[in-house]
Amino acid sequence: MTKETMAILVFGAIIALAIIMFALERRGIAARKAARRGREVDVSGLIAFGSAAGEGTKTHGTD
């Protein structure tokens, strides 16, 4: 095999792996959404304030 053929095979395998991983991730998202009965989870507080916001320590002012 030539170098060009090997490069095509390697890049083709990388692309195929990326497509498979994308499909598995979409299935995982659908399964998690089904487990929540279609509800979306608001994570904006966790993104802005860290995990302490989920516990309510930063939002209730327990300083």
N, C-alpha and C. Protein backbone atom coordinates (compact mmCIF):
# COMPACT_ATOMS: atom_id res chain seq x y z
N MET A 1 0.83 -1.18 0.00
CA MET A 1 0.00 0.00 0.00
C MET A 1 0.88 1.25 0.00
N THR A 2 0.37 2.24 -0.65
CA THR A 2 1.12 3.49 -0.68
C THR A 2 0.79 4.35 0.54
N LYS A 3 1.56 5.39 0.72
CA LYS A 3 1.33 6.29 1.85
C LYS A 3 -0.03 6.97 1.73
N GLU A 4 -0.43 7.29 0.50
CA GLU A 4 -1.71 7.95 0.30
C GLU A 4 -2.87 7.04 0.69
N THR A 5 -2.77 5.77 0.34
CA THR A 5 -3.82 4.82 0.69
C THR A 5 -3.91 4.63 2.19
N MET A 6 -2.76 4.56 2.84
CA MET A 6 -2.75 4.42 4.30
C MET A 6 -3.36 5.66 4.97
N ALA A 7 -3.04 6.83 4.44
CA ALA A 7 -3.59 8.07 5.00
C ALA A 7 -5.10 8.10 4.84
N ILE A 8 -5.59 7.68 3.71
CA ILE A 8 -7.04 7.65 3.47
C ILE A 8 -7.71 6.68 4.43
N LEU A 9 -7.11 5.52 4.65
CA LEU A 9 -7.68 4.54 5.58
C LEU A 9 -7.68 5.05 7.01
N VAL A 10 -6.59 5.68 7.43
CA VAL A 10 -6.50 6.20 8.80
C VAL A 10 -7.52 7.30 9.01
N PHE A 11 -7.58 8.27 8.11
CA PHE A 11 -8.53 9.36 8.27
C PHE A 11 -9.97 8.88 8.15
N GLY A 12 -10.20 7.88 7.30
CA GLY A 12 -11.54 7.29 7.21
C GLY A 12 -11.95 6.63 8.51
N ALA A 13 -10.99 5.94 9.14
CA ALA A 13 -11.29 5.30 10.43
C ALA A 13 -11.56 6.34 11.51
N ILE A 14 -10.82 7.44 11.49
CA ILE A 14 -11.05 8.51 12.47
C ILE A 14 -12.44 9.12 12.27
N ILE A 15 -12.82 9.37 11.05
CA ILE A 15 -14.14 9.93 10.77
C ILE A 15 -15.23 8.96 11.16
N ALA A 16 -15.06 7.68 10.86
CA ALA A 16 -16.05 6.67 11.24
C ALA A 16 -16.20 6.59 12.75
N LEU A 17 -15.09 6.65 13.47
CA LEU A 17 -15.13 6.63 14.93
C LEU A 17 -15.85 7.86 15.47
N ALA A 18 -15.60 9.02 14.88
CA ALA A 18 -16.26 10.24 15.32
C ALA A 18 -17.77 10.16 15.10
N ILE A 19 -18.19 9.62 14.00
CA ILE A 19 -19.63 9.48 13.72
C ILE A 19 -20.27 8.51 14.70
N ILE A 20 -19.59 7.41 14.99
CA ILE A 20 -20.12 6.43 15.94
C ILE A 20 -20.23 7.05 17.33
N MET A 21 -19.21 7.77 17.76
CA MET A 21 -19.25 8.42 19.08
C MET A 21 -20.36 9.46 19.15
N PHE A 22 -20.56 10.21 18.07
CA PHE A 22 -21.63 11.20 18.03
C PHE A 22 -22.99 10.53 18.16
N ALA A 23 -23.18 9.42 17.45
CA ALA A 23 -24.47 8.70 17.52
C ALA A 23 -24.70 8.14 18.93
N LEU A 24 -23.66 7.60 19.55
CA LEU A 24 -23.80 7.07 20.91
C LEU A 24 -24.13 8.19 21.91
N GLU A 25 -23.52 9.34 21.72
CA GLU A 25 -23.79 10.48 22.61
C GLU A 25 -25.23 10.95 22.46
N ARG A 26 -25.72 11.01 21.23
CA ARG A 26 -27.11 11.42 21.00
C ARG A 26 -28.08 10.42 21.64
N ARG A 27 -27.76 9.13 21.56
CA ARG A 27 -28.61 8.12 22.21
C ARG A 27 -28.58 8.28 23.72
N GLY A 28 -27.42 8.60 24.27
CA GLY A 28 -27.30 8.82 25.71
C GLY A 28 -28.10 10.04 26.16
N ILE A 29 -28.05 11.10 25.37
CA ILE A 29 -28.82 12.30 25.69
C ILE A 29 -30.31 11.98 25.66
N ALA A 30 -30.75 11.24 24.66
CA ALA A 30 -32.16 10.88 24.57
C ALA A 30 -32.58 10.01 25.74
N ALA A 31 -31.72 9.10 26.18
CA ALA A 31 -32.05 8.23 27.32
C ALA A 31 -32.15 9.04 28.61
N ARG A 32 -31.23 9.99 28.80
CA ARG A 32 -31.30 10.83 30.02
C ARG A 32 -32.52 11.72 30.00
N LYS A 33 -32.88 12.24 28.83
CA LYS A 33 -34.07 13.08 28.73
C LYS A 33 -35.33 12.26 29.00
N ALA A 34 -35.36 11.03 28.52
CA ALA A 34 -36.51 10.16 28.77
C ALA A 34 -36.61 9.82 30.25
N ALA A 35 -35.47 9.67 30.92
CA ALA A 35 -35.49 9.37 32.36
C ALA A 35 -36.03 10.55 33.16
N ARG A 36 -35.86 11.76 32.62
CA ARG A 36 -36.40 12.95 33.29
C ARG A 36 -37.82 13.27 32.81
N ARG A 37 -38.40 12.37 32.05
CA ARG A 37 -39.74 12.54 31.47
C ARG A 37 -39.82 13.78 30.59
N GLY A 38 -38.76 14.06 29.84
CA GLY A 38 -38.75 15.15 28.88
C GLY A 38 -38.43 16.50 29.46
N ARG A 39 -38.23 16.59 30.77
CA ARG A 39 -37.93 17.89 31.38
C ARG A 39 -36.47 18.26 31.14
N GLU A 40 -36.22 19.53 30.96
CA GLU A 40 -34.85 20.03 30.85
C GLU A 40 -34.35 20.37 32.25
N VAL A 41 -33.09 20.18 32.49
CA VAL A 41 -32.48 20.50 33.77
C VAL A 41 -31.76 21.83 33.63
N ASP A 42 -32.06 22.79 34.52
CA ASP A 42 -31.41 24.09 34.49
C ASP A 42 -30.10 24.01 35.26
N VAL A 43 -29.00 24.12 34.54
CA VAL A 43 -27.69 24.04 35.17
C VAL A 43 -26.98 25.39 35.16
N SER A 44 -27.70 26.46 34.87
CA SER A 44 -27.05 27.76 34.79
C SER A 44 -26.46 28.18 36.13
N GLY A 45 -27.12 27.84 37.24
CA GLY A 45 -26.58 28.16 38.55
C GLY A 45 -25.32 27.37 38.84
N LEU A 46 -25.26 26.14 38.40
CA LEU A 46 -24.07 25.33 38.63
C LEU A 46 -22.90 25.82 37.80
N ILE A 47 -23.20 26.33 36.61
CA ILE A 47 -22.13 26.83 35.76
C ILE A 47 -21.58 28.14 36.34
N ALA A 48 -22.46 29.00 36.83
CA ALA A 48 -22.02 30.31 37.31
C ALA A 48 -21.39 30.25 38.70
N PHE A 49 -21.92 29.41 39.60
CA PHE A 49 -21.50 29.44 40.99
C PHE A 49 -20.83 28.16 41.49
N GLY A 50 -20.72 27.16 40.67
CA GLY A 50 -20.11 25.91 41.10
C GLY A 50 -21.10 25.00 41.79
N SER A 51 -20.62 23.91 42.35
CA SER A 51 -21.51 22.92 42.94
C SER A 51 -22.18 23.43 44.21
N ALA A 52 -21.65 24.45 44.84
CA ALA A 52 -22.27 25.00 46.05
C ALA A 52 -23.64 25.60 45.74
N ALA A 53 -23.84 26.08 44.52
CA ALA A 53 -25.14 26.64 44.15
C ALA A 53 -26.21 25.55 44.13
N GLY A 54 -25.82 24.35 43.77
CA GLY A 54 -26.77 23.25 43.78
C GLY A 54 -27.22 22.91 45.18
N GLU A 55 -26.39 23.14 46.17
CA GLU A 55 -26.73 22.86 47.55
C GLU A 55 -27.44 24.04 48.20
N GLY A 56 -27.43 25.21 47.55
CA GLY A 56 -28.12 26.37 48.08
C GLY A 56 -27.30 27.22 49.01
N THR A 57 -26.02 26.95 49.18
CA THR A 57 -25.23 27.71 50.16
C THR A 57 -24.93 29.12 49.66
N LYS A 58 -24.74 29.30 48.37
CA LYS A 58 -24.42 30.63 47.87
C LYS A 58 -25.68 31.44 47.61
N THR A 59 -26.78 30.79 47.33
CA THR A 59 -27.99 31.52 46.99
C THR A 59 -28.79 31.93 48.22
N HIS A 60 -28.58 31.29 49.37
CA HIS A 60 -29.33 31.60 50.58
C HIS A 60 -28.57 32.52 51.52
N GLY A 61 -27.35 32.87 51.21
CA GLY A 61 -26.58 33.80 52.01
C GLY A 61 -26.22 33.29 53.38
N THR A 62 -25.62 32.12 53.48
CA THR A 62 -25.25 31.53 54.76
C THR A 62 -23.83 31.90 55.16
N ASP A 63 -23.44 33.13 54.90
CA ASP A 63 -22.07 33.57 55.24
C ASP A 63 -21.89 33.73 56.72
